């Protein structure tokens, strides 16, 4: 029945209505997805903008350093990242409350590569498109996707990082990194292709990211969805994700007054003000 409802939704909706971002709880996981999907009870559903040049509106995903790339756009139900120019990068990042890979986490994306360059000059290897996560202790691993290979990136000077040769161009493929303790495992279209120890010492903690983070030239991809698992689920007004909307959250909101800080901009109108305070008071306790 649920599949029938989804089929009716996809049949009767416009492309813009079909392309939604849904945040849904699956067991103990938070899934952040940008894909054609049908909301169910408890889902938070927000839409991508269909206008070229307008950033996606999914909560607290930041578009980083887009100056050397065209604006984000929607094409045939997927988000276009790039094409970047030499020396530029273009990616999305999302901060979340502290997590530990000891508890398990994952990031998955459906990506079509139009072009993703590859760079290999000792001691560095780089590919244009990446996705990955970091935890509260600074453990990290990143999947780098080039036209003809995948790289499990776990060190900045990463000449010895594991590589899997495969043609990634011309079609959407599902890429997934599963983090468990000190191990990261990569799956492509459901098949395990790489596994290695995670890196350590990341300065930016508790982040998910997707896009061109290397500054390589000419990278361009289309992404149908991204989902992040193993992240705490919090009330919109529980800014510190403590499980209670209280004075700590109020202090964070007041401290962000007049800014566009997404965690405190509870109604997502671009400014922290009295409307957000009203939402917080309504969810107090």
C-alpha atoms as a PDB file:
ATOM      1  CA  UNK A   1       0.000   0.000   0.000  1.00  0.00           C
ATOM      2  CA  UNK A   2       2.807   2.373   0.817  1.00  0.00           C
ATOM      3  CA  UNK A   3       4.390   1.638  -2.587  1.00  0.00           C
ATOM      4  CA  UNK A   4       1.035   2.299  -4.312  1.00  0.00           C
ATOM      5  CA  UNK A   5       0.782   5.666  -2.560  1.00  0.00           C
ATOM      6  CA  UNK A   6       4.321   6.549  -3.599  1.00  0.00           C
ATOM      7  CA  UNK A   7       3.570   5.582  -7.215  1.00  0.00           C
ATOM      8  CA  UNK A   8       0.436   7.779  -7.240  1.00  0.00           C
ATOM      9  CA  UNK A   9       2.435  10.672  -5.815  1.00  0.00           C
ATOM     10  CA  UNK A  10       5.145  10.356  -8.462  1.00  0.00           C
ATOM     11  CA  UNK A  11       2.569  10.036 -11.241  1.00  0.00           C
ATOM     12  CA  UNK A  12       0.447  13.023 -10.220  1.00  0.00           C
ATOM     13  CA  UNK A  13       3.134  15.461  -9.055  1.00  0.00           C
ATOM     14  CA  UNK A  14       5.206  17.941 -11.019  1.00  0.00           C
ATOM     15  CA  UNK A  15       9.017  17.463 -11.099  1.00  0.00           C
ATOM     16  CA  UNK A  16       9.482  20.239  -8.553  1.00  0.00           C
ATOM     17  CA  UNK A  17       6.884  18.723  -6.239  1.00  0.00           C
ATOM     18  CA  UNK A  18       8.554  15.334  -6.532  1.00  0.00           C
ATOM     19  CA  UNK A  19      12.032  16.641  -5.698  1.00  0.00           C
ATOM     20  CA  UNK A  20      11.856  17.061  -1.941  1.00  0.00           C
ATOM     21  CA  UNK A  21      14.134  16.772   1.013  1.00  0.00           C
ATOM     22  CA  UNK A  22      12.750  14.550   3.744  1.00  0.00           C
ATOM     23  CA  UNK A  23      14.199  13.996   7.166  1.00  0.00           C
ATOM     24  CA  UNK A  24      12.858  10.735   8.483  1.00  0.00           C
ATOM     25  CA  UNK A  25      13.638   8.569  11.486  1.00  0.00           C
ATOM     26  CA  UNK A  26      14.527   4.951  10.780  1.00  0.00           C
ATOM     27  CA  UNK A  27      15.182   3.009  13.993  1.00  0.00           C
ATOM     28  CA  UNK A  28      17.885   5.064  15.735  1.00  0.00           C
ATOM     29  CA  UNK A  29      19.001   6.719  12.493  1.00  0.00           C
ATOM     30  CA  UNK A  30      18.343  10.169  11.124  1.00  0.00           C
ATOM     31  CA  UNK A  31      18.125  10.072   7.348  1.00  0.00           C
ATOM     32  CA  UNK A  32      18.597  13.336   5.456  1.00  0.00           C
ATOM     33  CA  UNK A  33      17.451  12.682   1.899  1.00  0.00           C
ATOM     34  CA  UNK A  34      17.110  14.795  -1.215  1.00  0.00           C
ATOM     35  CA  UNK A  35      15.156  12.558  -3.542  1.00  0.00           C
ATOM     36  CA  UNK A  36      11.775  11.680  -4.949  1.00  0.00           C
ATOM     37  CA  UNK A  37      10.014  10.356  -1.862  1.00  0.00           C
ATOM     38  CA  UNK A  38       6.668  10.350  -0.125  1.00  0.00           C
ATOM     39  CA  UNK A  39       6.332  11.889   3.323  1.00  0.00           C
ATOM     40  CA  UNK A  40       4.962   9.699   6.088  1.00  0.00           C
ATOM     41  CA  UNK A  41       3.833  10.576   9.597  1.00  0.00           C
ATOM     42  CA  UNK A  42       6.621  12.270  11.508  1.00  0.00           C
ATOM     43  CA  UNK A  43       8.629  13.319   8.447  1.00  0.00           C
ATOM     44  CA  UNK A  44       9.910  16.862   8.089  1.00  0.00           C
ATOM     45  CA  UNK A  45       9.624  17.712   4.390  1.00  0.00           C
ATOM     46  CA  UNK A  46      11.195  20.743   2.767  1.00  0.00           C
ATOM     47  CA  UNK A  47      11.669  21.531  -0.914  1.00  0.00           C
ATOM     48  CA  UNK A  48      14.652  22.381  -3.020  1.00  0.00           C
ATOM     49  CA  UNK A  49      14.292  25.619  -4.953  1.00  0.00           C
ATOM     50  CA  UNK A  50      13.774  25.070  -8.656  1.00  0.00           C
ATOM     51  CA  UNK A  51      15.343  28.379  -9.635  1.00  0.00           C
ATOM     52  CA  UNK A  52      18.916  28.396 -10.883  1.00  0.00           C
ATOM     53  CA  UNK A  53      21.088  30.413  -8.543  1.00  0.00           C
ATOM     54  CA  UNK A  54      18.984  29.800  -5.424  1.00  0.00           C
ATOM     55  CA  UNK A  55      20.624  27.530  -2.889  1.00  0.00           C
ATOM     56  CA  UNK A  56      18.786  24.435  -1.672  1.00  0.00           C
ATOM     57  CA  UNK A  57      16.724  25.073   1.428  1.00  0.00           C
ATOM     58  CA  UNK A  58      17.415  21.909   3.376  1.00  0.00           C
ATOM     59  CA  UNK A  59      18.001  22.830   6.988  1.00  0.00           C
ATOM     60  CA  UNK A  60      21.574  23.751   7.933  1.00  0.00           C
ATOM     61  CA  UNK A  61      23.276  22.510   4.783  1.00  0.00           C
ATOM     62  CA  UNK A  62      25.777  25.261   3.908  1.00  0.00           C
ATOM     63  CA  UNK A  63      27.042  25.926   0.383  1.00  0.00           C
ATOM     64  CA  UNK A  64      30.782  26.473   0.729  1.00  0.00           C
ATOM     65  CA  UNK A  65      33.019  28.565  -1.544  1.00  0.00           C
ATOM     66  CA  UNK A  66      30.846  28.589  -4.668  1.00  0.00           C
ATOM     67  CA  UNK A  67      32.671  31.525  -6.231  1.00  0.00           C
ATOM     68  CA  UNK A  68      34.400  29.436  -8.898  1.00  0.00           C
ATOM     69  CA  UNK A  69      31.369  27.425  -9.930  1.00  0.00           C
ATOM     70  CA  UNK A  70      27.994  28.162 -11.519  1.00  0.00           C
ATOM     71  CA  UNK A  71      25.008  28.427  -9.166  1.00  0.00           C
ATOM     72  CA  UNK A  72      23.389  25.242  -7.953  1.00  0.00           C
ATOM     73  CA  UNK A  73      20.583  24.212 -10.281  1.00  0.00           C
ATOM     74  CA  UNK A  74      17.986  21.479 -10.653  1.00  0.00           C
ATOM     75  CA  UNK A  75      18.037  19.396 -13.828  1.00  0.00           C
ATOM     76  CA  UNK A  76      15.649  16.495 -14.404  1.00  0.00           C
ATOM     77  CA  UNK A  77      15.110  15.910 -10.700  1.00  0.00           C
ATOM     78  CA  UNK A  78      18.717  16.148  -9.534  1.00  0.00           C
ATOM     79  CA  UNK A  79      20.991  18.857  -8.168  1.00  0.00           C
ATOM     80  CA  UNK A  80      23.917  19.961 -10.311  1.00  0.00           C
ATOM     81  CA  UNK A  81      27.217  20.749  -8.565  1.00  0.00           C
ATOM     82  CA  UNK A  82      29.916  22.449 -10.629  1.00  0.00           C
ATOM     83  CA  UNK A  83      31.377  22.859 -13.093  1.00  0.00           C
ATOM     84  CA  UNK A  84      34.231  24.276 -11.049  1.00  0.00           C
ATOM     85  CA  UNK A  85      37.194  26.096 -12.492  1.00  0.00           C
ATOM     86  CA  UNK A  86      40.837  25.555 -11.626  1.00  0.00           C
ATOM     87  CA  UNK A  87      41.573  26.642  -8.065  1.00  0.00           C
ATOM     88  CA  UNK A  88      37.946  26.623  -6.977  1.00  0.00           C
ATOM     89  CA  UNK A  89      35.686  24.271  -5.112  1.00  0.00           C
ATOM     90  CA  UNK A  90      31.981  23.887  -4.553  1.00  0.00           C
ATOM     91  CA  UNK A  91      30.466  21.697  -1.862  1.00  0.00           C
ATOM     92  CA  UNK A  92      27.728  21.344   0.737  1.00  0.00           C
ATOM     93  CA  UNK A  93      28.400  20.669   4.420  1.00  0.00           C
ATOM     94  CA  UNK A  94      26.096  19.931   7.328  1.00  0.00           C
ATOM     95  CA  UNK A  95      26.981  20.238  11.025  1.00  0.00           C
ATOM     96  CA  UNK A  96      25.211  18.043  13.592  1.00  0.00           C
ATOM     97  CA  UNK A  97      25.400  17.276  17.342  1.00  0.00           C
ATOM     98  CA  UNK A  98      28.351  15.161  18.549  1.00  0.00           C
ATOM     99  CA  UNK A  99      28.444  11.568  17.304  1.00  0.00           C
ATOM    100  CA  UNK A 100      30.852   8.664  17.645  1.00  0.00           C
ATOM    101  CA  UNK A 101      31.684   6.206  14.899  1.00  0.00           C
ATOM    102  CA  UNK A 102      31.746   3.598  17.685  1.00  0.00           C
ATOM    103  CA  UNK A 103      27.937   3.773  17.527  1.00  0.00           C
ATOM    104  CA  UNK A 104      27.884   3.438  13.745  1.00  0.00           C
ATOM    105  CA  UNK A 105      27.172   6.068  11.084  1.00  0.00           C
ATOM    106  CA  UNK A 106      26.849   6.252   7.318  1.00  0.00           C
ATOM    107  CA  UNK A 107      26.543   8.654   4.435  1.00  0.00           C
ATOM    108  CA  UNK A 108      25.021   7.669   1.102  1.00  0.00           C
ATOM    109  CA  UNK A 109      24.432   9.545  -2.136  1.00  0.00           C
ATOM    110  CA  UNK A 110      23.159   8.807  -5.618  1.00  0.00           C
ATOM    111  CA  UNK A 111      25.542  10.592  -7.981  1.00  0.00           C
ATOM    112  CA  UNK A 112      25.964  10.817 -11.737  1.00  0.00           C
ATOM    113  CA  UNK A 113      29.435  11.930 -12.792  1.00  0.00           C
ATOM    114  CA  UNK A 114      29.596  14.118 -15.901  1.00  0.00           C
ATOM    115  CA  UNK A 115      33.263  14.760 -15.241  1.00  0.00           C
ATOM    116  CA  UNK A 116      35.471  14.369 -12.184  1.00  0.00           C
ATOM    117  CA  UNK A 117      39.167  14.948 -12.638  1.00  0.00           C
ATOM    118  CA  UNK A 118      41.954  12.867 -11.100  1.00  0.00           C
ATOM    119  CA  UNK A 119      45.255  14.089  -9.715  1.00  0.00           C
ATOM    120  CA  UNK A 120      48.133  11.873  -8.598  1.00  0.00           C
ATOM    121  CA  UNK A 121      51.508  13.413  -7.791  1.00  0.00           C
ATOM    122  CA  UNK A 122      53.320  11.884  -4.832  1.00  0.00           C
ATOM    123  CA  UNK A 123      52.504  12.177  -1.966  1.00  0.00           C
ATOM    124  CA  UNK A 124      48.971  13.267  -2.987  1.00  0.00           C
ATOM    125  CA  UNK A 125      46.031  11.674  -4.758  1.00  0.00           C
ATOM    126  CA  UNK A 126      42.862  13.675  -5.354  1.00  0.00           C
ATOM    127  CA  UNK A 127      39.555  13.355  -7.214  1.00  0.00           C
ATOM    128  CA  UNK A 128      37.113  16.158  -7.939  1.00  0.00           C
ATOM    129  CA  UNK A 129      33.988  14.873  -6.171  1.00  0.00           C
ATOM    130  CA  UNK A 130      33.877  13.640  -2.556  1.00  0.00           C
ATOM    131  CA  UNK A 131      31.524  12.681   0.231  1.00  0.00           C
ATOM    132  CA  UNK A 132      32.247  11.831   3.839  1.00  0.00           C
ATOM    133  CA  UNK A 133      31.765  12.428   7.552  1.00  0.00           C
ATOM    134  CA  UNK A 134      33.723  13.287  10.694  1.00  0.00           C
ATOM    135  CA  UNK A 135      32.838  12.392  14.285  1.00  0.00           C
ATOM    136  CA  UNK A 136      33.349  14.165  17.618  1.00  0.00           C
ATOM    137  CA  UNK A 137      36.844  12.740  18.104  1.00  0.00           C
ATOM    138  CA  UNK A 138      38.059  13.906  14.687  1.00  0.00           C
ATOM    139  CA  UNK A 139      37.902  10.496  13.029  1.00  0.00           C
ATOM    140  CA  UNK A 140      37.069  10.758   9.348  1.00  0.00           C
ATOM    141  CA  UNK A 141      37.073   9.134   5.934  1.00  0.00           C
ATOM    142  CA  UNK A 142      36.099  10.496   2.561  1.00  0.00           C
ATOM    143  CA  UNK A 143      35.146   8.752  -0.662  1.00  0.00           C
ATOM    144  CA  UNK A 144      36.680  10.496  -3.677  1.00  0.00           C
ATOM    145  CA  UNK A 145      35.028   9.776  -7.022  1.00  0.00           C
ATOM    146  CA  UNK A 146      36.837  10.234 -10.332  1.00  0.00           C
ATOM    147  CA  UNK A 147      35.785   9.299 -13.853  1.00  0.00           C
ATOM    148  CA  UNK A 148      37.537   5.941 -13.714  1.00  0.00           C
ATOM    149  CA  UNK A 149      38.137   5.133 -10.037  1.00  0.00           C
ATOM    150  CA  UNK A 150      37.134   5.454  -6.395  1.00  0.00           C
ATOM    151  CA  UNK A 151      39.541   6.428  -3.638  1.00  0.00           C
ATOM    152  CA  UNK A 152      39.029   5.851   0.100  1.00  0.00           C
ATOM    153  CA  UNK A 153      40.716   8.988   1.445  1.00  0.00           C
ATOM    154  CA  UNK A 154      41.972   8.708   5.054  1.00  0.00           C
ATOM    155  CA  UNK A 155      45.120  10.882   5.113  1.00  0.00           C
ATOM    156  CA  UNK A 156      46.024  14.259   3.664  1.00  0.00           C
ATOM    157  CA  UNK A 157      49.235  12.904   2.151  1.00  0.00           C
ATOM    158  CA  UNK A 158      47.418   9.871   0.876  1.00  0.00           C
ATOM    159  CA  UNK A 159      49.580   8.159  -1.736  1.00  0.00           C
ATOM    160  CA  UNK A 160      48.918   4.791  -0.092  1.00  0.00           C
ATOM    161  CA  UNK A 161      45.113   5.221   0.121  1.00  0.00           C
ATOM    162  CA  UNK A 162      43.107   2.385  -1.414  1.00  0.00           C
ATOM    163  CA  UNK A 163      41.838   2.749  -4.998  1.00  0.00           C
ATOM    164  CA  UNK A 164      39.141   0.826  -6.872  1.00  0.00           C
ATOM    165  CA  UNK A 165      39.134   1.087 -10.678  1.00  0.00           C
ATOM    166  CA  UNK A 166      35.642   1.473 -12.158  1.00  0.00           C
ATOM    167  CA  UNK A 167      33.859   3.639 -14.732  1.00  0.00           C
ATOM    168  CA  UNK A 168      31.640   6.049 -12.779  1.00  0.00           C
ATOM    169  CA  UNK A 169      30.414   8.202 -15.683  1.00  0.00           C
ATOM    170  CA  UNK A 170      27.187   8.250 -17.658  1.00  0.00           C
ATOM    171  CA  UNK A 171      24.721   6.909 -15.070  1.00  0.00           C
ATOM    172  CA  UNK A 172      23.593   7.371 -11.484  1.00  0.00           C
ATOM    173  CA  UNK A 173      25.329   5.109  -8.981  1.00  0.00           C
ATOM    174  CA  UNK A 174      24.703   4.737  -5.263  1.00  0.00           C
ATOM    175  CA  UNK A 175      27.794   5.370  -3.135  1.00  0.00           C
ATOM    176  CA  UNK A 176      27.753   4.571   0.572  1.00  0.00           C
ATOM    177  CA  UNK A 177      30.378   4.847   3.329  1.00  0.00           C
ATOM    178  CA  UNK A 178      29.691   2.961   6.557  1.00  0.00           C
ATOM    179  CA  UNK A 179      31.660   4.014   9.629  1.00  0.00           C
ATOM    180  CA  UNK A 180      31.982   1.540  12.486  1.00  0.00           C
ATOM    181  CA  UNK A 181      34.599   2.227  15.127  1.00  0.00           C
ATOM    182  CA  UNK A 182      37.926   2.745  13.402  1.00  0.00           C
ATOM    183  CA  UNK A 183      36.859   1.210  10.088  1.00  0.00           C
ATOM    184  CA  UNK A 184      35.276   2.775   7.013  1.00  0.00           C
ATOM    185  CA  UNK A 185      33.741   0.606   4.293  1.00  0.00           C
ATOM    186  CA  UNK A 186      32.679   1.806   0.837  1.00  0.00           C
ATOM    187  CA  UNK A 187      29.835   0.296  -1.176  1.00  0.00           C
ATOM    188  CA  UNK A 188      28.987   1.052  -4.806  1.00  0.00           C
ATOM    189  CA  UNK A 189      25.502   0.018  -5.882  1.00  0.00           C
ATOM    190  CA  UNK A 190      25.286  -2.250  -2.838  1.00  0.00           C
ATOM    191  CA  UNK A 191      28.595  -4.045  -3.460  1.00  0.00           C
ATOM    192  CA  UNK A 192      31.503  -3.624  -1.033  1.00  0.00           C
ATOM    193  CA  UNK A 193      34.511  -2.275  -2.923  1.00  0.00           C
ATOM    194  CA  UNK A 194      36.893  -0.728  -0.355  1.00  0.00           C
ATOM    195  CA  UNK A 195      37.541  -0.904   3.392  1.00  0.00           C
ATOM    196  CA  UNK A 196      40.283   0.645   5.521  1.00  0.00           C
ATOM    197  CA  UNK A 197      41.032   2.283   8.850  1.00  0.00           C
ATOM    198  CA  UNK A 198      39.605   5.782   9.245  1.00  0.00           C
ATOM    199  CA  UNK A 199      41.790   8.870   9.429  1.00  0.00           C
ATOM    200  CA  UNK A 200      42.225  10.796  12.666  1.00  0.00           C
ATOM    201  CA  UNK A 201      42.856  14.367  13.760  1.00  0.00           C
ATOM    202  CA  UNK A 202      40.268  16.215  11.666  1.00  0.00           C
ATOM    203  CA  UNK A 203      39.939  19.803  12.850  1.00  0.00           C
ATOM    204  CA  UNK A 204      36.318  20.162  11.701  1.00  0.00           C
ATOM    205  CA  UNK A 205      34.256  17.693  13.726  1.00  0.00           C
ATOM    206  CA  UNK A 206      30.664  16.378  13.471  1.00  0.00           C
ATOM    207  CA  UNK A 207      30.222  17.199   9.794  1.00  0.00           C
ATOM    208  CA  UNK A 208      28.846  15.610   6.646  1.00  0.00           C
ATOM    209  CA  UNK A 209      29.942  16.913   3.286  1.00  0.00           C
ATOM    210  CA  UNK A 210      29.367  16.408  -0.439  1.00  0.00           C
ATOM    211  CA  UNK A 211      30.973  18.040  -3.472  1.00  0.00           C
ATOM    212  CA  UNK A 212      34.246  19.250  -4.952  1.00  0.00           C
ATOM    213  CA  UNK A 213      36.556  19.961  -2.004  1.00  0.00           C
ATOM    214  CA  UNK A 214      39.897  19.737  -3.798  1.00  0.00           C
ATOM    215  CA  UNK A 215      40.077  22.763  -6.083  1.00  0.00           C
ATOM    216  CA  UNK A 216      40.524  20.530  -9.148  1.00  0.00           C
ATOM    217  CA  UNK A 217      39.296  21.846 -12.470  1.00  0.00           C
ATOM    218  CA  UNK A 218      36.216  20.921 -14.485  1.00  0.00           C
ATOM    219  CA  UNK A 219      34.439  18.705 -11.955  1.00  0.00           C
ATOM    220  CA  UNK A 220      30.673  18.448 -12.471  1.00  0.00           C
ATOM    221  CA  UNK A 221      28.133  16.017 -11.017  1.00  0.00           C
ATOM    222  CA  UNK A 222      24.409  15.539 -10.541  1.00  0.00           C
ATOM    223  CA  UNK A 223      23.107  14.302  -7.182  1.00  0.00           C
ATOM    224  CA  UNK A 224      19.672  12.724  -6.787  1.00  0.00           C
ATOM    225  CA  UNK A 225      19.798  12.387  -2.987  1.00  0.00           C
ATOM    226  CA  UNK A 226      22.023  12.431   0.068  1.00  0.00           C
ATOM    227  CA  UNK A 227      21.261  10.650   3.329  1.00  0.00           C
ATOM    228  CA  UNK A 228      23.157  10.774   6.611  1.00  0.00           C
ATOM    229  CA  UNK A 229      22.604   8.090   9.253  1.00  0.00           C
ATOM    230  CA  UNK A 230      23.605   7.853  12.893  1.00  0.00           C
ATOM    231  CA  UNK A 231      22.950  11.512  13.740  1.00  0.00           C
ATOM    232  CA  UNK A 232      20.838  12.483  16.797  1.00  0.00           C
ATOM    233  CA  UNK A 233      17.252  13.491  16.147  1.00  0.00           C
ATOM    234  CA  UNK A 234      16.378  16.727  17.955  1.00  0.00           C
ATOM    235  CA  UNK A 235      13.396  19.004  18.306  1.00  0.00           C
ATOM    236  CA  UNK A 236      13.687  22.026  16.040  1.00  0.00           C
ATOM    237  CA  UNK A 237      13.991  24.238  19.154  1.00  0.00           C
ATOM    238  CA  UNK A 238      16.425  21.938  20.995  1.00  0.00           C
ATOM    239  CA  UNK A 239      19.448  23.734  19.588  1.00  0.00           C
ATOM    240  CA  UNK A 240      22.015  21.921  21.737  1.00  0.00           C
ATOM    241  CA  UNK A 241      20.265  18.581  21.166  1.00  0.00           C
ATOM    242  CA  UNK A 242      20.109  17.821  24.899  1.00  0.00           C
ATOM    243  CA  UNK A 243      16.630  16.293  24.726  1.00  0.00           C
ATOM    244  CA  UNK A 244      14.977  19.293  26.411  1.00  0.00           C
ATOM    245  CA  UNK A 245      14.111  22.786  25.191  1.00  0.00           C
ATOM    246  CA  UNK A 246      15.407  24.897  28.065  1.00  0.00           C
ATOM    247  CA  UNK A 247      17.423  27.914  29.128  1.00  0.00           C
ATOM    248  CA  UNK A 248      20.550  26.724  27.327  1.00  0.00           C
ATOM    249  CA  UNK A 249      18.681  26.756  24.025  1.00  0.00           C
ATOM    250  CA  UNK A 250      17.188  30.151  24.852  1.00  0.00           C
ATOM    251  CA  UNK A 251      20.661  31.521  25.523  1.00  0.00           C
ATOM    252  CA  UNK A 252      21.886  30.183  22.166  1.00  0.00           C
ATOM    253  CA  UNK A 253      18.929  31.754  20.383  1.00  0.00           C
ATOM    254  CA  UNK A 254      19.359  35.137  22.088  1.00  0.00           C
ATOM    255  CA  UNK A 255      23.081  35.015  21.367  1.00  0.00           C
ATOM    256  CA  UNK A 256      22.279  34.560  17.673  1.00  0.00           C
ATOM    257  CA  UNK A 257      19.663  37.345  17.577  1.00  0.00           C
ATOM    258  CA  UNK A 258      19.612  39.211  14.281  1.00  0.00           C
ATOM    259  CA  UNK A 259      21.853  36.694  12.505  1.00  0.00           C
ATOM    260  CA  UNK A 260      21.023  33.992   9.991  1.00  0.00           C
ATOM    261  CA  UNK A 261      22.476  31.136  12.078  1.00  0.00           C
ATOM    262  CA  UNK A 262      20.478  28.202  10.772  1.00  0.00           C
ATOM    263  CA  UNK A 263      20.371  26.243  14.054  1.00  0.00           C
ATOM    264  CA  UNK A 264      18.621  29.186  15.748  1.00  0.00           C
ATOM    265  CA  UNK A 265      16.552  30.294  12.732  1.00  0.00           C
ATOM    266  CA  UNK A 266      13.741  27.951  13.671  1.00  0.00           C
ATOM    267  CA  UNK A 267      11.300  29.049  10.964  1.00  0.00           C
ATOM    268  CA  UNK A 268      14.061  29.277   8.328  1.00  0.00           C
ATOM    269  CA  UNK A 269      13.161  32.792   7.162  1.00  0.00           C
ATOM    270  CA  UNK A 270      16.779  33.968   7.107  1.00  0.00           C
ATOM    271  CA  UNK A 271      16.912  35.826  10.422  1.00  0.00           C
ATOM    272  CA  UNK A 272      16.768  34.929  14.123  1.00  0.00           C
ATOM    273  CA  UNK A 273      14.050  37.085  15.680  1.00  0.00           C
ATOM    274  CA  UNK A 274      10.861  37.092  17.720  1.00  0.00           C
ATOM    275  CA  UNK A 275       9.167  34.558  15.480  1.00  0.00           C
ATOM    276  CA  UNK A 276      11.841  32.009  16.359  1.00  0.00           C
ATOM    277  CA  UNK A 277      11.532  32.893  20.042  1.00  0.00           C
ATOM    278  CA  UNK A 278       7.796  32.235  19.856  1.00  0.00           C
ATOM    279  CA  UNK A 279       8.423  28.805  18.351  1.00  0.00           C
ATOM    280  CA  UNK A 280      10.905  27.966  21.096  1.00  0.00           C
ATOM    281  CA  UNK A 281       8.548  29.032  23.875  1.00  0.00           C
ATOM    282  CA  UNK A 282       5.790  26.954  22.304  1.00  0.00           C
ATOM    283  CA  UNK A 283       8.031  23.863  22.457  1.00  0.00           C
ATOM    284  CA  UNK A 284       9.461  24.610  25.920  1.00  0.00           C
ATOM    285  CA  UNK A 285      10.258  21.641  28.139  1.00  0.00           C
END
